[in-house]
N, C-alpha and C. Protein backbone atom coordinates (compact mmCIF):
# COMPACT_ATOMS: atom_id res chain seq x y z
N MET A 1 -15.90 -22.43 16.35
CA MET A 1 -15.22 -22.11 15.13
C MET A 1 -15.57 -20.71 14.64
N ALA A 2 -16.84 -20.33 14.78
CA ALA A 2 -17.27 -19.00 14.34
C ALA A 2 -16.53 -17.92 15.11
N ASP A 3 -16.29 -18.13 16.42
CA ASP A 3 -15.56 -17.14 17.20
C ASP A 3 -14.12 -17.02 16.72
N ASP A 4 -13.54 -18.13 16.28
CA ASP A 4 -12.18 -18.11 15.76
C ASP A 4 -12.12 -17.29 14.47
N ILE A 5 -13.12 -17.45 13.61
CA ILE A 5 -13.17 -16.69 12.37
C ILE A 5 -13.34 -15.20 12.68
N LYS A 6 -14.25 -14.90 13.59
CA LYS A 6 -14.51 -13.50 13.95
C LYS A 6 -13.27 -12.80 14.49
N SER A 7 -12.47 -13.54 15.27
CA SER A 7 -11.29 -12.92 15.88
C SER A 7 -10.20 -12.63 14.86
N LYS A 8 -10.25 -13.28 13.70
CA LYS A 8 -9.20 -13.10 12.69
C LYS A 8 -9.61 -12.15 11.56
N MET A 9 -10.89 -11.82 11.46
CA MET A 9 -11.35 -10.97 10.36
C MET A 9 -11.06 -9.50 10.65
N PHE A 10 -10.58 -8.81 9.66
CA PHE A 10 -10.38 -7.36 9.71
C PHE A 10 -9.49 -6.92 10.87
N ASN A 11 -8.40 -7.65 11.10
CA ASN A 11 -7.47 -7.29 12.18
C ASN A 11 -6.88 -5.89 12.01
N GLU A 12 -6.80 -5.41 10.76
CA GLU A 12 -6.18 -4.11 10.51
C GLU A 12 -7.09 -2.93 10.86
N TYR A 13 -8.34 -3.22 11.18
CA TYR A 13 -9.31 -2.16 11.52
C TYR A 13 -9.49 -2.07 13.03
N PRO A 14 -9.78 -0.86 13.54
CA PRO A 14 -10.07 -0.72 14.98
C PRO A 14 -11.42 -1.37 15.32
N ASP A 15 -11.71 -1.49 16.60
CA ASP A 15 -12.96 -2.12 17.05
C ASP A 15 -14.19 -1.32 16.66
N ILE A 16 -14.06 -0.01 16.55
CA ILE A 16 -15.15 0.88 16.15
C ILE A 16 -14.71 1.59 14.88
N VAL A 17 -15.53 1.49 13.83
CA VAL A 17 -15.16 2.11 12.55
C VAL A 17 -16.21 3.13 12.13
N GLY A 18 -15.84 3.93 11.15
CA GLY A 18 -16.75 4.90 10.57
C GLY A 18 -17.34 4.36 9.27
N VAL A 19 -18.13 5.16 8.62
CA VAL A 19 -18.82 4.75 7.40
C VAL A 19 -17.83 4.40 6.29
N ASN A 20 -16.81 5.22 6.09
CA ASN A 20 -15.87 4.95 5.01
C ASN A 20 -15.11 3.64 5.23
N GLU A 21 -14.73 3.38 6.47
CA GLU A 21 -14.07 2.10 6.77
C GLU A 21 -15.03 0.93 6.56
N MET A 22 -16.28 1.10 6.97
CA MET A 22 -17.27 0.05 6.76
C MET A 22 -17.44 -0.24 5.27
N ARG A 23 -17.46 0.81 4.46
CA ARG A 23 -17.61 0.65 3.01
C ARG A 23 -16.47 -0.19 2.45
N LYS A 24 -15.25 0.07 2.89
CA LYS A 24 -14.09 -0.70 2.43
C LYS A 24 -14.20 -2.15 2.88
N MET A 25 -14.63 -2.37 4.13
CA MET A 25 -14.76 -3.73 4.66
C MET A 25 -15.78 -4.55 3.87
N LEU A 26 -16.78 -3.87 3.33
CA LEU A 26 -17.83 -4.55 2.58
C LEU A 26 -17.57 -4.54 1.07
N GLY A 27 -16.33 -4.37 0.69
CA GLY A 27 -15.98 -4.47 -0.72
C GLY A 27 -16.20 -3.20 -1.51
N ASN A 28 -15.97 -2.06 -0.86
CA ASN A 28 -16.12 -0.75 -1.50
C ASN A 28 -17.54 -0.50 -2.01
N ILE A 29 -18.51 -0.76 -1.14
CA ILE A 29 -19.90 -0.49 -1.51
C ILE A 29 -20.11 1.02 -1.59
N GLY A 30 -21.16 1.44 -2.24
CA GLY A 30 -21.46 2.86 -2.41
C GLY A 30 -21.93 3.51 -1.12
N ARG A 31 -21.84 4.83 -1.10
CA ARG A 31 -22.27 5.60 0.08
C ARG A 31 -23.76 5.40 0.35
N THR A 32 -24.57 5.43 -0.70
CA THR A 32 -26.02 5.28 -0.52
C THR A 32 -26.34 3.93 0.10
N THR A 33 -25.72 2.88 -0.39
CA THR A 33 -25.95 1.54 0.16
C THR A 33 -25.49 1.46 1.61
N ALA A 34 -24.36 2.05 1.91
CA ALA A 34 -23.83 2.02 3.27
C ALA A 34 -24.79 2.70 4.25
N TYR A 35 -25.25 3.89 3.88
CA TYR A 35 -26.16 4.61 4.77
C TYR A 35 -27.51 3.90 4.87
N LYS A 36 -27.93 3.24 3.82
CA LYS A 36 -29.18 2.48 3.87
C LYS A 36 -29.06 1.33 4.88
N LEU A 37 -27.94 0.62 4.87
CA LEU A 37 -27.72 -0.46 5.82
C LEU A 37 -27.77 0.04 7.26
N LEU A 38 -27.25 1.24 7.49
CA LEU A 38 -27.24 1.80 8.84
C LEU A 38 -28.60 2.35 9.24
N LYS A 39 -29.24 3.10 8.35
CA LYS A 39 -30.53 3.71 8.69
C LYS A 39 -31.64 2.69 8.88
N GLU A 40 -31.56 1.58 8.12
CA GLU A 40 -32.56 0.53 8.27
C GLU A 40 -32.19 -0.47 9.36
N LYS A 41 -31.11 -0.18 10.08
CA LYS A 41 -30.62 -0.98 11.21
C LYS A 41 -30.31 -2.42 10.81
N ILE A 42 -29.89 -2.60 9.58
CA ILE A 42 -29.43 -3.91 9.13
C ILE A 42 -28.07 -4.18 9.76
N ILE A 43 -27.26 -3.14 9.87
CA ILE A 43 -26.01 -3.18 10.61
C ILE A 43 -26.14 -2.19 11.75
N TYR A 44 -25.92 -2.65 12.97
CA TYR A 44 -26.06 -1.80 14.16
C TYR A 44 -25.01 -0.69 14.14
N SER A 45 -25.43 0.49 14.51
CA SER A 45 -24.52 1.62 14.65
C SER A 45 -25.09 2.57 15.69
N LYS A 46 -24.26 3.48 16.09
CA LYS A 46 -24.65 4.54 17.01
C LYS A 46 -24.22 5.85 16.38
N LYS A 47 -25.10 6.81 16.34
CA LYS A 47 -24.75 8.11 15.78
C LYS A 47 -24.26 9.01 16.91
N VAL A 48 -23.04 9.47 16.77
CA VAL A 48 -22.43 10.36 17.75
C VAL A 48 -22.17 11.68 17.04
N ALA A 49 -22.86 12.70 17.49
CA ALA A 49 -22.84 14.01 16.81
C ALA A 49 -23.31 13.78 15.37
N ARG A 50 -22.44 14.00 14.39
CA ARG A 50 -22.85 13.84 12.99
C ARG A 50 -22.25 12.59 12.35
N GLU A 51 -21.59 11.76 13.14
CA GLU A 51 -20.90 10.59 12.60
C GLU A 51 -21.49 9.29 13.13
N TYR A 52 -21.51 8.29 12.25
CA TYR A 52 -21.90 6.95 12.67
C TYR A 52 -20.68 6.23 13.22
N LYS A 53 -20.88 5.53 14.32
CA LYS A 53 -19.85 4.67 14.91
C LYS A 53 -20.38 3.25 14.82
N ILE A 54 -19.62 2.38 14.16
CA ILE A 54 -20.08 1.02 13.89
C ILE A 54 -19.10 0.03 14.52
N PRO A 55 -19.59 -0.81 15.44
CA PRO A 55 -18.71 -1.85 15.99
C PRO A 55 -18.30 -2.82 14.88
N LYS A 56 -17.02 -3.11 14.81
CA LYS A 56 -16.49 -4.01 13.80
C LYS A 56 -17.19 -5.37 13.86
N ILE A 57 -17.50 -5.84 15.04
CA ILE A 57 -18.14 -7.15 15.20
C ILE A 57 -19.51 -7.18 14.52
N CYS A 58 -20.21 -6.05 14.47
CA CYS A 58 -21.52 -6.01 13.81
C CYS A 58 -21.38 -6.19 12.30
N ILE A 59 -20.32 -5.66 11.74
CA ILE A 59 -20.07 -5.83 10.31
C ILE A 59 -19.71 -7.29 10.02
N ILE A 60 -18.91 -7.87 10.88
CA ILE A 60 -18.53 -9.28 10.71
C ILE A 60 -19.75 -10.17 10.81
N GLU A 61 -20.61 -9.92 11.80
CA GLU A 61 -21.82 -10.73 11.95
C GLU A 61 -22.75 -10.57 10.75
N TYR A 62 -22.83 -9.37 10.19
CA TYR A 62 -23.62 -9.15 8.98
C TYR A 62 -23.07 -9.99 7.83
N LEU A 63 -21.78 -9.99 7.66
CA LEU A 63 -21.17 -10.77 6.58
C LEU A 63 -21.38 -12.27 6.76
N LEU A 64 -21.28 -12.74 7.99
CA LEU A 64 -21.44 -14.18 8.24
C LEU A 64 -22.89 -14.62 8.14
N SER A 65 -23.84 -13.69 8.31
CA SER A 65 -25.24 -14.06 8.25
C SER A 65 -25.80 -13.95 6.83
N SER A 66 -25.10 -13.24 5.97
CA SER A 66 -25.62 -13.02 4.60
C SER A 66 -25.49 -14.25 3.74
């Protein structure tokens, strides 16, 4: 059932999102909070050049675990 939920969440977003998209997915959280989640590795991300790349599935798993 959890896989079914994951496959239907955030269909309008690509598989890899940036910080601003992540903020919208999490209910328009602030920039400071968003970067804190990434820097403390609460949500997995990879920094490419100067931008964070966040797999959509990691955001979904964070939401389902909270």
